[in-house]
PDB file of N, CA and C in Angstrom:
ATOM      1  N   MET A   1      40.806  42.294 -34.250  1.00  0.00           N
ATOM      2  CA  MET A   1      40.068  41.831 -33.094  1.00  0.00           C
ATOM      3  C   MET A   1      38.598  41.650 -33.507  1.00  0.00           C
ATOM      4  N   PRO A   2      37.975  40.527 -33.150  1.00  0.00           N
ATOM      5  CA  PRO A   2      36.571  40.297 -33.499  1.00  0.00           C
ATOM      6  C   PRO A   2      35.665  41.354 -32.871  1.00  0.00           C
ATOM      7  N   LYS A   3      34.560  41.618 -33.543  1.00  0.00           N
ATOM      8  CA  LYS A   3      33.600  42.607 -33.057  1.00  0.00           C
ATOM      9  C   LYS A   3      32.210  42.009 -33.032  1.00  0.00           C
ATOM     10  N   ILE A   4      31.352  42.597 -32.222  1.00  0.00           N
ATOM     11  CA  ILE A   4      29.950  42.209 -32.142  1.00  0.00           C
ATOM     12  C   ILE A   4      29.121  43.412 -32.548  1.00  0.00           C
ATOM     13  N   SER A   5      28.161  43.194 -33.413  1.00  0.00           N
ATOM     14  CA  SER A   5      27.239  44.263 -33.796  1.00  0.00           C
ATOM     15  C   SER A   5      25.883  43.968 -33.182  1.00  0.00           C
ATOM     16  N   VAL A   6      25.259  44.998 -32.646  1.00  0.00           N
ATOM     17  CA  VAL A   6      23.955  44.851 -32.017  1.00  0.00           C
ATOM     18  C   VAL A   6      23.029  45.903 -32.598  1.00  0.00           C
ATOM     19  N   GLU A   7      21.852  45.475 -33.007  1.00  0.00           N
ATOM     20  CA  GLU A   7      20.877  46.424 -33.529  1.00  0.00           C
ATOM     21  C   GLU A   7      20.006  46.935 -32.396  1.00  0.00           C
ATOM     22  N   LEU A   8      19.923  48.252 -32.286  1.00  0.00           N
ATOM     23  CA  LEU A   8      19.092  48.900 -31.277  1.00  0.00           C
ATOM     24  C   LEU A   8      18.210  49.931 -31.950  1.00  0.00           C
ATOM     25  N   SER A   9      17.050  50.145 -31.364  1.00  0.00           N
ATOM     26  CA  SER A   9      16.204  51.232 -31.858  1.00  0.00           C
ATOM     27  C   SER A   9      16.845  52.554 -31.438  1.00  0.00           C
ATOM     28  N   GLU A  10      16.397  53.643 -32.012  1.00  0.00           N
ATOM     29  CA  GLU A  10      16.917  54.956 -31.628  1.00  0.00           C
ATOM     30  C   GLU A  10      16.704  55.201 -30.139  1.00  0.00           C
ATOM     31  N   GLU A  11      15.539  54.810 -29.629  1.00  0.00           N
ATOM     32  CA  GLU A  11      15.229  55.000 -28.208  1.00  0.00           C
ATOM     33  C   GLU A  11      16.137  54.152 -27.319  1.00  0.00           C
ATOM     34  N   GLU A  12      16.337  52.908 -27.706  1.00  0.00           N
ATOM     35  CA  GLU A  12      17.219  52.029 -26.928  1.00  0.00           C
ATOM     36  C   GLU A  12      18.640  52.567 -26.903  1.00  0.00           C
ATOM     37  N   LEU A  13      19.133  52.988 -28.065  1.00  0.00           N
ATOM     38  CA  LEU A  13      20.486  53.522 -28.148  1.00  0.00           C
ATOM     39  C   LEU A  13      20.625  54.782 -27.299  1.00  0.00           C
ATOM     40  N   ALA A  14      19.621  55.625 -27.308  1.00  0.00           N
ATOM     41  CA  ALA A  14      19.664  56.846 -26.492  1.00  0.00           C
ATOM     42  C   ALA A  14      19.750  56.498 -25.009  1.00  0.00           C
ATOM     43  N   ARG A  15      18.966  55.506 -24.579  1.00  0.00           N
ATOM     44  CA  ARG A  15      19.004  55.100 -23.165  1.00  0.00           C
ATOM     45  C   ARG A  15      20.356  54.495 -22.805  1.00  0.00           C
ATOM     46  N   VAL A  16      20.889  53.666 -23.687  1.00  0.00           N
ATOM     47  CA  VAL A  16      22.189  53.043 -23.449  1.00  0.00           C
ATOM     48  C   VAL A  16      23.279  54.110 -23.369  1.00  0.00           C
ATOM     49  N   ASN A  17      23.277  55.032 -24.312  1.00  0.00           N
ATOM     50  CA  ASN A  17      24.270  56.108 -24.307  1.00  0.00           C
ATOM     51  C   ASN A  17      24.155  56.961 -23.046  1.00  0.00           C
ATOM     52  N   GLU A  18      22.936  57.265 -22.648  1.00  0.00           N
ATOM     53  CA  GLU A  18      22.707  58.068 -21.450  1.00  0.00           C
ATOM     54  C   GLU A  18      23.252  57.361 -20.206  1.00  0.00           C
ATOM     55  N   HIS A  19      23.001  56.064 -20.120  1.00  0.00           N
ATOM     56  CA  HIS A  19      23.478  55.317 -18.956  1.00  0.00           C
ATOM     57  C   HIS A  19      25.001  55.255 -18.935  1.00  0.00           C
ATOM     58  N   ALA A  20      25.605  54.970 -20.056  1.00  0.00           N
ATOM     59  CA  ALA A  20      27.067  54.913 -20.117  1.00  0.00           C
ATOM     60  C   ALA A  20      27.655  56.265 -19.723  1.00  0.00           C
ATOM     61  N   GLN A  21      27.051  57.330 -20.204  1.00  0.00           N
ATOM     62  CA  GLN A  21      27.528  58.668 -19.867  1.00  0.00           C
ATOM     63  C   GLN A  21      27.401  58.918 -18.363  1.00  0.00           C
ATOM     64  N   SER A  22      26.304  58.442 -17.750  1.00  0.00           N
ATOM     65  CA  SER A  22      26.136  58.634 -16.306  1.00  0.00           C
ATOM     66  C   SER A  22      27.196  57.877 -15.508  1.00  0.00           C
ATOM     67  N   LEU A  23      27.736  56.804 -16.102  1.00  0.00           N
ATOM     68  CA  LEU A  23      28.805  56.039 -15.470  1.00  0.00           C
ATOM     69  C   LEU A  23      30.184  56.637 -15.743  1.00  0.00           C
ATOM     70  N   GLY A  24      30.226  57.594 -16.648  1.00  0.00           N
ATOM     71  CA  GLY A  24      31.496  58.232 -16.984  1.00  0.00           C
ATOM     72  C   GLY A  24      32.368  57.408 -17.909  1.00  0.00           C
ATOM     73  N   VAL A  25      31.743  56.533 -18.692  1.00  0.00           N
ATOM     74  CA  VAL A  25      32.497  55.697 -19.631  1.00  0.00           C
ATOM     75  C   VAL A  25      31.847  55.766 -21.006  1.00  0.00           C
ATOM     76  N   SER A  26      32.584  55.323 -22.001  1.00  0.00           N
ATOM     77  CA  SER A  26      32.009  55.279 -23.341  1.00  0.00           C
ATOM     78  C   SER A  26      31.014  54.133 -23.431  1.00  0.00           C
ATOM     79  N   THR A  27      30.092  54.253 -24.345  1.00  0.00           N
ATOM     80  CA  THR A  27      29.110  53.185 -24.560  1.00  0.00           C
ATOM     81  C   THR A  27      29.814  51.888 -24.936  1.00  0.00           C
ATOM     82  N   ARG A  28      30.821  51.998 -25.764  1.00  0.00           N
ATOM     83  CA  ARG A  28      31.562  50.816 -26.212  1.00  0.00           C
ATOM     84  C   ARG A  28      32.232  50.102 -25.033  1.00  0.00           C
ATOM     85  N   SER A  29      32.920  50.857 -24.164  1.00  0.00           N
ATOM     86  CA  SER A  29      33.613  50.205 -23.053  1.00  0.00           C
ATOM     87  C   SER A  29      32.625  49.667 -22.024  1.00  0.00           C
ATOM     88  N   TRP A  30      31.514  50.375 -21.810  1.00  0.00           N
ATOM     89  CA  TRP A  30      30.498  49.888 -20.870  1.00  0.00           C
ATOM     90  C   TRP A  30      29.874  48.596 -21.396  1.00  0.00           C
ATOM     91  N   ALA A  31      29.544  48.565 -22.691  1.00  0.00           N
ATOM     92  CA  ALA A  31      28.937  47.365 -23.279  1.00  0.00           C
ATOM     93  C   ALA A  31      29.900  46.183 -23.210  1.00  0.00           C
ATOM     94  N   LYS A  32      31.158  46.427 -23.491  1.00  0.00           N
ATOM     95  CA  LYS A  32      32.161  45.352 -23.425  1.00  0.00           C
ATOM     96  C   LYS A  32      32.249  44.801 -22.009  1.00  0.00           C
ATOM     97  N   GLN A  33      32.346  45.693 -21.023  1.00  0.00           N
ATOM     98  CA  GLN A  33      32.467  45.252 -19.640  1.00  0.00           C
ATOM     99  C   GLN A  33      31.209  44.517 -19.185  1.00  0.00           C
ATOM    100  N   LEU A  34      30.052  44.983 -19.615  1.00  0.00           N
ATOM    101  CA  LEU A  34      28.791  44.336 -19.276  1.00  0.00           C
ATOM    102  C   LEU A  34      28.736  42.911 -19.814  1.00  0.00           C
ATOM    103  N   LEU A  35      29.143  42.721 -21.049  1.00  0.00           N
ATOM    104  CA  LEU A  35      29.158  41.386 -21.643  1.00  0.00           C
ATOM    105  C   LEU A  35      30.134  40.468 -20.923  1.00  0.00           C
ATOM    106  N   ILE A  36      31.319  40.970 -20.649  1.00  0.00           N
ATOM    107  CA  ILE A  36      32.329  40.161 -19.958  1.00  0.00           C
ATOM    108  C   ILE A  36      31.858  39.800 -18.555  1.00  0.00           C
ATOM    109  N   ASN A  37      31.340  40.779 -17.825  1.00  0.00           N
ATOM    110  CA  ASN A  37      30.868  40.532 -16.457  1.00  0.00           C
ATOM    111  C   ASN A  37      29.755  39.489 -16.430  1.00  0.00           C
ATOM    112  N   ASP A  38      28.825  39.570 -17.377  1.00  0.00           N
ATOM    113  CA  ASP A  38      27.714  38.625 -17.395  1.00  0.00           C
ATOM    114  C   ASP A  38      28.203  37.207 -17.700  1.00  0.00           C
ATOM    115  N   ALA A  39      29.142  37.088 -18.631  1.00  0.00           N
ATOM    116  CA  ALA A  39      29.699  35.772 -18.953  1.00  0.00           C
ATOM    117  C   ALA A  39      30.455  35.192 -17.759  1.00  0.00           C
ATOM    118  N   GLU A  40      31.220  36.026 -17.061  1.00  0.00           N
ATOM    119  CA  GLU A  40      31.959  35.564 -15.883  1.00  0.00           C
ATOM    120  C   GLU A  40      31.013  35.178 -14.748  1.00  0.00           C
ATOM    121  N   LYS A  41      29.937  35.931 -14.585  1.00  0.00           N
ATOM    122  CA  LYS A  41      28.945  35.607 -13.558  1.00  0.00           C
ATOM    123  C   LYS A  41      28.321  34.241 -13.839  1.00  0.00           C
ATOM    124  N   ALA A  42      27.952  34.004 -15.093  1.00  0.00           N
ATOM    125  CA  ALA A  42      27.365  32.716 -15.466  1.00  0.00           C
ATOM    126  C   ALA A  42      28.350  31.579 -15.230  1.00  0.00           C
ATOM    127  N   ARG A  43      29.607  31.813 -15.545  1.00  0.00           N
ATOM    128  CA  ARG A  43      30.647  30.797 -15.334  1.00  0.00           C
ATOM    129  C   ARG A  43      30.823  30.494 -13.844  1.00  0.00           C
ATOM    130  N   PHE A  44      30.850  31.537 -13.023  1.00  0.00           N
ATOM    131  CA  PHE A  44      30.983  31.371 -11.580  1.00  0.00           C
ATOM    132  C   PHE A  44      29.798  30.609 -11.003  1.00  0.00           C
ATOM    133  N   LEU A  45      28.583  30.996 -11.402  1.00  0.00           N
ATOM    134  CA  LEU A  45      27.392  30.337 -10.874  1.00  0.00           C
ATOM    135  C   LEU A  45      27.333  28.867 -11.275  1.00  0.00           C
ATOM    136  N   ALA A  46      27.749  28.558 -12.489  1.00  0.00           N
ATOM    137  CA  ALA A  46      27.782  27.159 -12.920  1.00  0.00           C
ATOM    138  C   ALA A  46      28.756  26.360 -12.060  1.00  0.00           C
ATOM    139  N   ALA A  47      29.915  26.938 -11.779  1.00  0.00           N
ATOM    140  CA  ALA A  47      30.899  26.254 -10.931  1.00  0.00           C
ATOM    141  C   ALA A  47      30.373  26.094  -9.513  1.00  0.00           C
ATOM    142  N   ALA A  48      29.704  27.117  -9.006  1.00  0.00           N
ATOM    143  CA  ALA A  48      29.159  27.049  -7.647  1.00  0.00           C
ATOM    144  C   ALA A  48      28.084  25.971  -7.547  1.00  0.00           C
ATOM    145  N   ARG A  49      27.235  25.872  -8.564  1.00  0.00           N
ATOM    146  CA  ARG A  49      26.194  24.830  -8.546  1.00  0.00           C
ATOM    147  C   ARG A  49      26.812  23.439  -8.556  1.00  0.00           C
ATOM    148  N   THR A  50      27.926  23.291  -9.238  1.00  0.00           N
ATOM    149  CA  THR A  50      28.616  22.008  -9.283  1.00  0.00           C
ATOM    150  C   THR A  50      29.259  21.692  -7.937  1.00  0.00           C
ATOM    151  N   ALA A  51      29.810  22.698  -7.276  1.00  0.00           N
ATOM    152  CA  ALA A  51      30.529  22.500  -6.021  1.00  0.00           C
ATOM    153  C   ALA A  51      29.603  22.367  -4.813  1.00  0.00           C
ATOM    154  N   LEU A  52      28.401  22.901  -4.884  1.00  0.00           N
ATOM    155  CA  LEU A  52      27.510  22.908  -3.720  1.00  0.00           C
ATOM    156  C   LEU A  52      27.217  21.521  -3.163  1.00  0.00           C
ATOM    157  N   PRO A  53      26.842  20.543  -3.965  1.00  0.00           N
ATOM    158  CA  PRO A  53      26.584  19.216  -3.388  1.00  0.00           C
ATOM    159  C   PRO A  53      27.804  18.638  -2.666  1.00  0.00           C
ATOM    160  N   THR A  54      28.985  18.846  -3.209  1.00  0.00           N
ATOM    161  CA  THR A  54      30.205  18.355  -2.568  1.00  0.00           C
ATOM    162  C   THR A  54      30.417  19.056  -1.228  1.00  0.00           C
ATOM    163  N   ALA A  55      30.219  20.351  -1.205  1.00  0.00           N
ATOM    164  CA  ALA A  55      30.401  21.113   0.034  1.00  0.00           C
ATOM    165  C   ALA A  55      29.383  20.687   1.087  1.00  0.00           C
ATOM    166  N   LEU A  56      28.138  20.503   0.693  1.00  0.00           N
ATOM    167  CA  LEU A  56      27.106  20.085   1.637  1.00  0.00           C
ATOM    168  C   LEU A  56      27.396  18.690   2.193  1.00  0.00           C
ATOM    169  N   GLU A  57      27.881  17.813   1.336  1.00  0.00           N
ATOM    170  CA  GLU A  57      28.234  16.464   1.771  1.00  0.00           C
ATOM    171  C   GLU A  57      29.380  16.512   2.775  1.00  0.00           C
ATOM    172  N   ALA A  58      30.341  17.391   2.553  1.00  0.00           N
ATOM    173  CA  ALA A  58      31.516  17.481   3.418  1.00  0.00           C
ATOM    174  C   ALA A  58      31.172  17.952   4.823  1.00  0.00           C
ATOM    175  N   VAL A  59      30.109  18.721   4.978  1.00  0.00           N
ATOM    176  CA  VAL A  59      29.773  19.276   6.297  1.00  0.00           C
ATOM    177  C   VAL A  59      28.499  18.682   6.887  1.00  0.00           C
ATOM    178  N   LYS A  60      27.971  17.654   6.271  1.00  0.00           N
ATOM    179  CA  LYS A  60      26.679  17.106   6.719  1.00  0.00           C
ATOM    180  C   LYS A  60      26.702  16.633   8.174  1.00  0.00           C
ATOM    181  N   ASP A  61      27.833  16.169   8.659  1.00  0.00           N
ATOM    182  CA  ASP A  61      27.909  15.661  10.022  1.00  0.00           C
ATOM    183  C   ASP A  61      28.417  16.707  11.019  1.00  0.00           C
ATOM    184  N   ALA A  62      28.681  17.908  10.544  1.00  0.00           N
ATOM    185  CA  ALA A  62      29.151  18.969  11.424  1.00  0.00           C
ATOM    186  C   ALA A  62      28.012  19.451  12.323  1.00  0.00           C
ATOM    187  N   PRO A  63      28.324  19.964  13.499  1.00  0.00           N
ATOM    188  CA  PRO A  63      27.279  20.520  14.361  1.00  0.00           C
ATOM    189  C   PRO A  63      26.511  21.602  13.610  1.00  0.00           C
ATOM    190  N   GLU A  64      25.244  21.744  13.956  1.00  0.00           N
ATOM    191  CA  GLU A  64      24.353  22.624  13.208  1.00  0.00           C
ATOM    192  C   GLU A  64      24.913  24.040  13.051  1.00  0.00           C
ATOM    193  N   GLY A  65      25.489  24.600  14.070  1.00  0.00           N
ATOM    194  CA  GLY A  65      26.014  25.965  13.998  1.00  0.00           C
ATOM    195  C   GLY A  65      27.245  26.099  13.134  1.00  0.00           C
ATOM    196  N   MET A  66      27.819  25.007  12.711  1.00  0.00           N
ATOM    197  CA  MET A  66      29.039  25.051  11.902  1.00  0.00           C
ATOM    198  C   MET A  66      28.794  24.654  10.439  1.00  0.00           C
ATOM    199  N   ARG A  67      27.553  24.472  10.064  1.00  0.00           N
ATOM    200  CA  ARG A  67      27.239  24.089   8.685  1.00  0.00           C
ATOM    201  C   ARG A  67      27.038  25.272   7.821  1.00  0.00           C
TER     202      ARG A  67
END
């Protein structure tokens, strides 16, 4: 399975480890989930930006309270 290596200072690594521990997960699993979540968020937002003009066009003639 491919891996990603990230260089962190001792202070950065300590903060990351502390945060992962406060979440009750390993640093590795927290970092993996963080990367996946951020990529999925970016993908969702890109799709939403593409769909917004179509959605606005579809409801442009609707009564104001229904837009």
